[in-house]
Amino acid sequence: MNVMARIVRSGESQSVELPEGYRFDGDEVFLRRDGNRVVLETAEDALDPDTGLSIARLRELIQEGLDSGPGEPWDLEATLREARRRLP
């Protein structure tokens, strides 16, 4: 079933008023284009295209790094390698 939603413009920005039943929990959504469609996914369920990990898992890994305290500078490449190693 197709449902119409209203586009709201404010200056250079646009937003879409999602009707009941189409609303998201949380404060963020992940956007991607699929041809001329715009797809919105909950940020926690979306996959990072570089690592294949969910955004929620990436946030956990970042928090683990922050919780480990000050120390060596953060090596992004090493972190990405470790994240890929943990993929199933």
N, C-alpha and C. Protein backbone atom coordinates (compact mmCIF):
# COMPACT_ATOMS: atom_id res chain seq x y z
N MET A 1 0.84 -1.17 0.00
CA MET A 1 0.00 0.00 0.00
C MET A 1 0.89 1.24 0.00
N ASN A 2 0.65 2.14 -0.91
CA ASN A 2 1.39 3.40 -0.96
C ASN A 2 0.70 4.44 -0.09
N VAL A 3 1.50 5.13 0.70
CA VAL A 3 1.00 6.18 1.58
C VAL A 3 1.74 7.46 1.23
N MET A 4 1.03 8.55 1.11
CA MET A 4 1.64 9.83 0.79
C MET A 4 2.07 10.52 2.08
N ALA A 5 3.17 11.26 2.00
CA ALA A 5 3.65 12.05 3.13
C ALA A 5 3.95 13.46 2.62
N ARG A 6 3.81 14.42 3.48
CA ARG A 6 4.02 15.81 3.11
C ARG A 6 5.48 16.21 3.26
N ILE A 7 6.00 16.95 2.28
CA ILE A 7 7.35 17.51 2.34
C ILE A 7 7.25 18.92 2.91
N VAL A 8 8.07 19.20 3.91
CA VAL A 8 8.08 20.52 4.54
C VAL A 8 9.41 21.18 4.20
N ARG A 9 9.36 22.40 3.69
CA ARG A 9 10.57 23.13 3.32
C ARG A 9 10.82 24.24 4.33
N SER A 10 12.10 24.39 4.68
CA SER A 10 12.51 25.47 5.58
C SER A 10 13.85 25.97 5.08
N GLY A 11 13.86 27.09 4.40
CA GLY A 11 15.10 27.59 3.81
C GLY A 11 15.60 26.61 2.77
N GLU A 12 16.83 26.14 2.92
CA GLU A 12 17.43 25.20 1.99
C GLU A 12 17.19 23.74 2.40
N SER A 13 16.52 23.52 3.52
CA SER A 13 16.30 22.17 4.04
C SER A 13 14.92 21.65 3.68
N GLN A 14 14.80 20.33 3.69
CA GLN A 14 13.52 19.67 3.52
C GLN A 14 13.38 18.62 4.60
N SER A 15 12.16 18.38 5.01
CA SER A 15 11.88 17.26 5.89
C SER A 15 10.58 16.62 5.42
N VAL A 16 10.38 15.39 5.81
CA VAL A 16 9.18 14.66 5.45
C VAL A 16 8.42 14.34 6.73
N GLU A 17 7.16 14.67 6.77
CA GLU A 17 6.33 14.34 7.92
C GLU A 17 5.85 12.91 7.75
N LEU A 18 6.38 12.02 8.58
CA LEU A 18 6.02 10.61 8.48
C LEU A 18 4.70 10.36 9.21
N PRO A 19 3.77 9.70 8.53
CA PRO A 19 2.50 9.41 9.19
C PRO A 19 2.67 8.32 10.25
N GLU A 20 1.69 8.24 11.13
CA GLU A 20 1.70 7.21 12.17
C GLU A 20 1.85 5.84 11.51
N GLY A 21 2.63 5.00 12.11
CA GLY A 21 2.90 3.68 11.55
C GLY A 21 4.17 3.65 10.73
N TYR A 22 4.72 4.82 10.41
CA TYR A 22 5.97 4.91 9.64
C TYR A 22 7.06 5.62 10.42
N ARG A 23 6.79 5.96 11.66
CA ARG A 23 7.74 6.73 12.46
C ARG A 23 8.84 5.84 13.01
N PHE A 24 9.96 6.46 13.34
CA PHE A 24 11.14 5.78 13.85
C PHE A 24 11.29 6.03 15.34
N ASP A 25 11.83 5.04 16.04
CA ASP A 25 12.29 5.26 17.41
C ASP A 25 13.68 5.88 17.30
N GLY A 26 14.06 6.66 18.25
CA GLY A 26 15.40 7.25 18.23
C GLY A 26 15.41 8.61 17.56
N ASP A 27 16.61 9.17 17.46
CA ASP A 27 16.78 10.53 16.95
C ASP A 27 17.47 10.59 15.60
N GLU A 28 17.95 9.45 15.07
CA GLU A 28 18.70 9.46 13.82
C GLU A 28 18.21 8.36 12.89
N VAL A 29 18.32 8.63 11.61
CA VAL A 29 18.10 7.60 10.59
C VAL A 29 19.28 7.63 9.63
N PHE A 30 19.51 6.52 8.98
CA PHE A 30 20.57 6.40 7.98
C PHE A 30 19.90 6.54 6.62
N LEU A 31 20.47 7.35 5.75
CA LEU A 31 19.92 7.59 4.41
C LEU A 31 20.80 6.94 3.36
N ARG A 32 20.16 6.41 2.33
CA ARG A 32 20.91 5.95 1.16
C ARG A 32 20.00 6.08 -0.05
N ARG A 33 20.63 6.18 -1.19
CA ARG A 33 19.87 6.25 -2.43
C ARG A 33 19.85 4.87 -3.07
N ASP A 34 18.71 4.54 -3.66
CA ASP A 34 18.54 3.30 -4.42
C ASP A 34 17.86 3.72 -5.71
N GLY A 35 18.68 4.03 -6.73
CA GLY A 35 18.15 4.62 -7.95
C GLY A 35 17.62 6.01 -7.63
N ASN A 36 16.35 6.26 -7.97
CA ASN A 36 15.79 7.57 -7.63
C ASN A 36 14.93 7.49 -6.37
N ARG A 37 15.13 6.45 -5.58
CA ARG A 37 14.46 6.33 -4.28
C ARG A 37 15.40 6.78 -3.18
N VAL A 38 14.84 7.29 -2.11
CA VAL A 38 15.61 7.59 -0.90
C VAL A 38 15.11 6.62 0.16
N VAL A 39 16.04 5.85 0.73
CA VAL A 39 15.69 4.82 1.72
C VAL A 39 16.15 5.30 3.09
N LEU A 40 15.27 5.23 4.06
CA LEU A 40 15.60 5.58 5.44
C LEU A 40 15.60 4.29 6.26
N GLU A 41 16.64 4.11 7.07
CA GLU A 41 16.73 2.96 7.95
C GLU A 41 17.07 3.46 9.35
N THR A 42 16.65 2.71 10.36
CA THR A 42 17.06 3.10 11.70
C THR A 42 18.57 3.09 11.76
N ALA A 43 19.14 4.07 12.39
CA ALA A 43 20.59 4.20 12.43
C ALA A 43 21.24 2.98 13.08
N GLU A 44 20.60 2.41 14.07
CA GLU A 44 21.20 1.27 14.77
C GLU A 44 21.25 0.02 13.89
N ASP A 45 20.29 -0.14 12.97
CA ASP A 45 20.24 -1.34 12.14
C ASP A 45 21.03 -1.20 10.84
N ALA A 46 21.33 0.03 10.45
CA ALA A 46 22.03 0.26 9.18
C ALA A 46 23.44 -0.30 9.23
N LEU A 47 23.95 -0.75 8.09
CA LEU A 47 25.30 -1.28 8.00
C LEU A 47 26.25 -0.23 7.45
N ASP A 48 27.43 -0.15 8.04
CA ASP A 48 28.47 0.73 7.54
C ASP A 48 29.03 0.12 6.26
N PRO A 49 29.05 0.86 5.15
CA PRO A 49 29.51 0.29 3.89
C PRO A 49 30.98 -0.10 3.88
N ASP A 50 31.81 0.53 4.71
CA ASP A 50 33.25 0.23 4.72
C ASP A 50 33.58 -1.03 5.51
N THR A 51 32.83 -1.29 6.58
CA THR A 51 33.17 -2.43 7.44
C THR A 51 32.15 -3.55 7.38
N GLY A 52 30.93 -3.24 6.96
CA GLY A 52 29.87 -4.24 6.99
C GLY A 52 29.28 -4.43 8.38
N LEU A 53 29.75 -3.66 9.35
CA LEU A 53 29.24 -3.75 10.71
C LEU A 53 28.05 -2.83 10.89
N SER A 54 27.17 -3.19 11.81
CA SER A 54 26.04 -2.30 12.10
C SER A 54 26.56 -1.04 12.78
N ILE A 55 25.83 0.03 12.62
CA ILE A 55 26.20 1.29 13.26
C ILE A 55 26.24 1.09 14.77
N ALA A 56 25.30 0.29 15.30
CA ALA A 56 25.29 0.02 16.75
C ALA A 56 26.59 -0.65 17.18
N ARG A 57 27.07 -1.63 16.39
CA ARG A 57 28.32 -2.32 16.74
C ARG A 57 29.51 -1.38 16.64
N LEU A 58 29.53 -0.53 15.62
CA LEU A 58 30.62 0.44 15.50
C LEU A 58 30.65 1.37 16.70
N ARG A 59 29.48 1.80 17.15
CA ARG A 59 29.43 2.66 18.33
C ARG A 59 29.97 1.93 19.56
N GLU A 60 29.65 0.62 19.68
CA GLU A 60 30.19 -0.17 20.80
C GLU A 60 31.71 -0.22 20.74
N LEU A 61 32.26 -0.46 19.55
CA LEU A 61 33.71 -0.54 19.40
C LEU A 61 34.37 0.79 19.72
N ILE A 62 33.76 1.87 19.28
CA ILE A 62 34.31 3.20 19.58
C ILE A 62 34.27 3.44 21.08
N GLN A 63 33.15 3.08 21.71
CA GLN A 63 33.03 3.28 23.16
C GLN A 63 34.07 2.45 23.90
N GLU A 64 34.30 1.20 23.44
CA GLU A 64 35.34 0.36 24.06
C GLU A 64 36.69 1.07 24.00
N GLY A 65 36.98 1.68 22.85
CA GLY A 65 38.24 2.41 22.70
C GLY A 65 38.31 3.61 23.62
N LEU A 66 37.20 4.33 23.75
CA LEU A 66 37.17 5.49 24.64
C LEU A 66 37.29 5.07 26.10
N ASP A 67 36.65 3.96 26.45
CA ASP A 67 36.68 3.48 27.83
C ASP A 67 38.05 2.95 28.23
N SER A 68 38.88 2.59 27.25
CA SER A 68 40.20 2.06 27.58
C SER A 68 41.13 3.16 28.09
N GLY A 69 40.68 4.40 28.00
CA GLY A 69 41.44 5.52 28.56
C GLY A 69 42.51 6.03 27.63
N PRO A 70 43.22 7.06 28.09
CA PRO A 70 44.27 7.64 27.24
C PRO A 70 45.40 6.65 27.05
N GLY A 71 46.07 6.79 25.99
CA GLY A 71 47.17 5.88 25.68
C GLY A 71 47.68 6.19 24.29
N GLU A 72 47.86 5.14 23.53
CA GLU A 72 48.35 5.31 22.16
C GLU A 72 47.32 6.09 21.34
N PRO A 73 47.80 6.88 20.38
CA PRO A 73 46.85 7.55 19.48
C PRO A 73 46.00 6.50 18.76
N TRP A 74 44.79 6.85 18.46
CA TRP A 74 43.86 5.94 17.80
C TRP A 74 44.31 5.70 16.37
N ASP A 75 44.54 4.45 16.02
CA ASP A 75 44.95 4.06 14.67
C ASP A 75 43.70 3.57 13.94
N LEU A 76 43.15 4.42 13.08
CA LEU A 76 41.92 4.09 12.38
C LEU A 76 42.05 2.82 11.56
N GLU A 77 43.13 2.66 10.84
CA GLU A 77 43.31 1.46 10.01
C GLU A 77 43.34 0.20 10.86
N ALA A 78 44.03 0.25 11.99
CA ALA A 78 44.08 -0.92 12.88
C ALA A 78 42.68 -1.22 13.43
N THR A 79 41.93 -0.18 13.74
CA THR A 79 40.58 -0.37 14.25
C THR A 79 39.69 -1.01 13.20
N LEU A 80 39.79 -0.55 11.95
CA LEU A 80 39.01 -1.15 10.87
C LEU A 80 39.41 -2.60 10.63
N ARG A 81 40.72 -2.89 10.68
CA ARG A 81 41.17 -4.29 10.52
C ARG A 81 40.58 -5.17 11.61
N GLU A 82 40.60 -4.67 12.84
CA GLU A 82 40.06 -5.44 13.97
C GLU A 82 38.56 -5.64 13.81
N ALA A 83 37.86 -4.62 13.36
CA ALA A 83 36.41 -4.74 13.15
C ALA A 83 36.12 -5.77 12.07
N ARG A 84 36.88 -5.76 10.98
CA ARG A 84 36.66 -6.73 9.90
C ARG A 84 37.00 -8.15 10.37
N ARG A 85 38.01 -8.27 11.23
CA ARG A 85 38.41 -9.58 11.74
C ARG A 85 37.27 -10.20 12.55
N ARG A 86 36.49 -9.37 13.22
CA ARG A 86 35.41 -9.85 14.07
C ARG A 86 34.14 -10.18 13.30
N LEU A 87 34.12 -9.87 12.01
CA LEU A 87 32.93 -10.19 11.21
C LEU A 87 32.72 -11.69 11.16
N PRO A 88 31.47 -12.13 11.17
CA PRO A 88 31.20 -13.58 11.11
C PRO A 88 31.59 -14.17 9.77
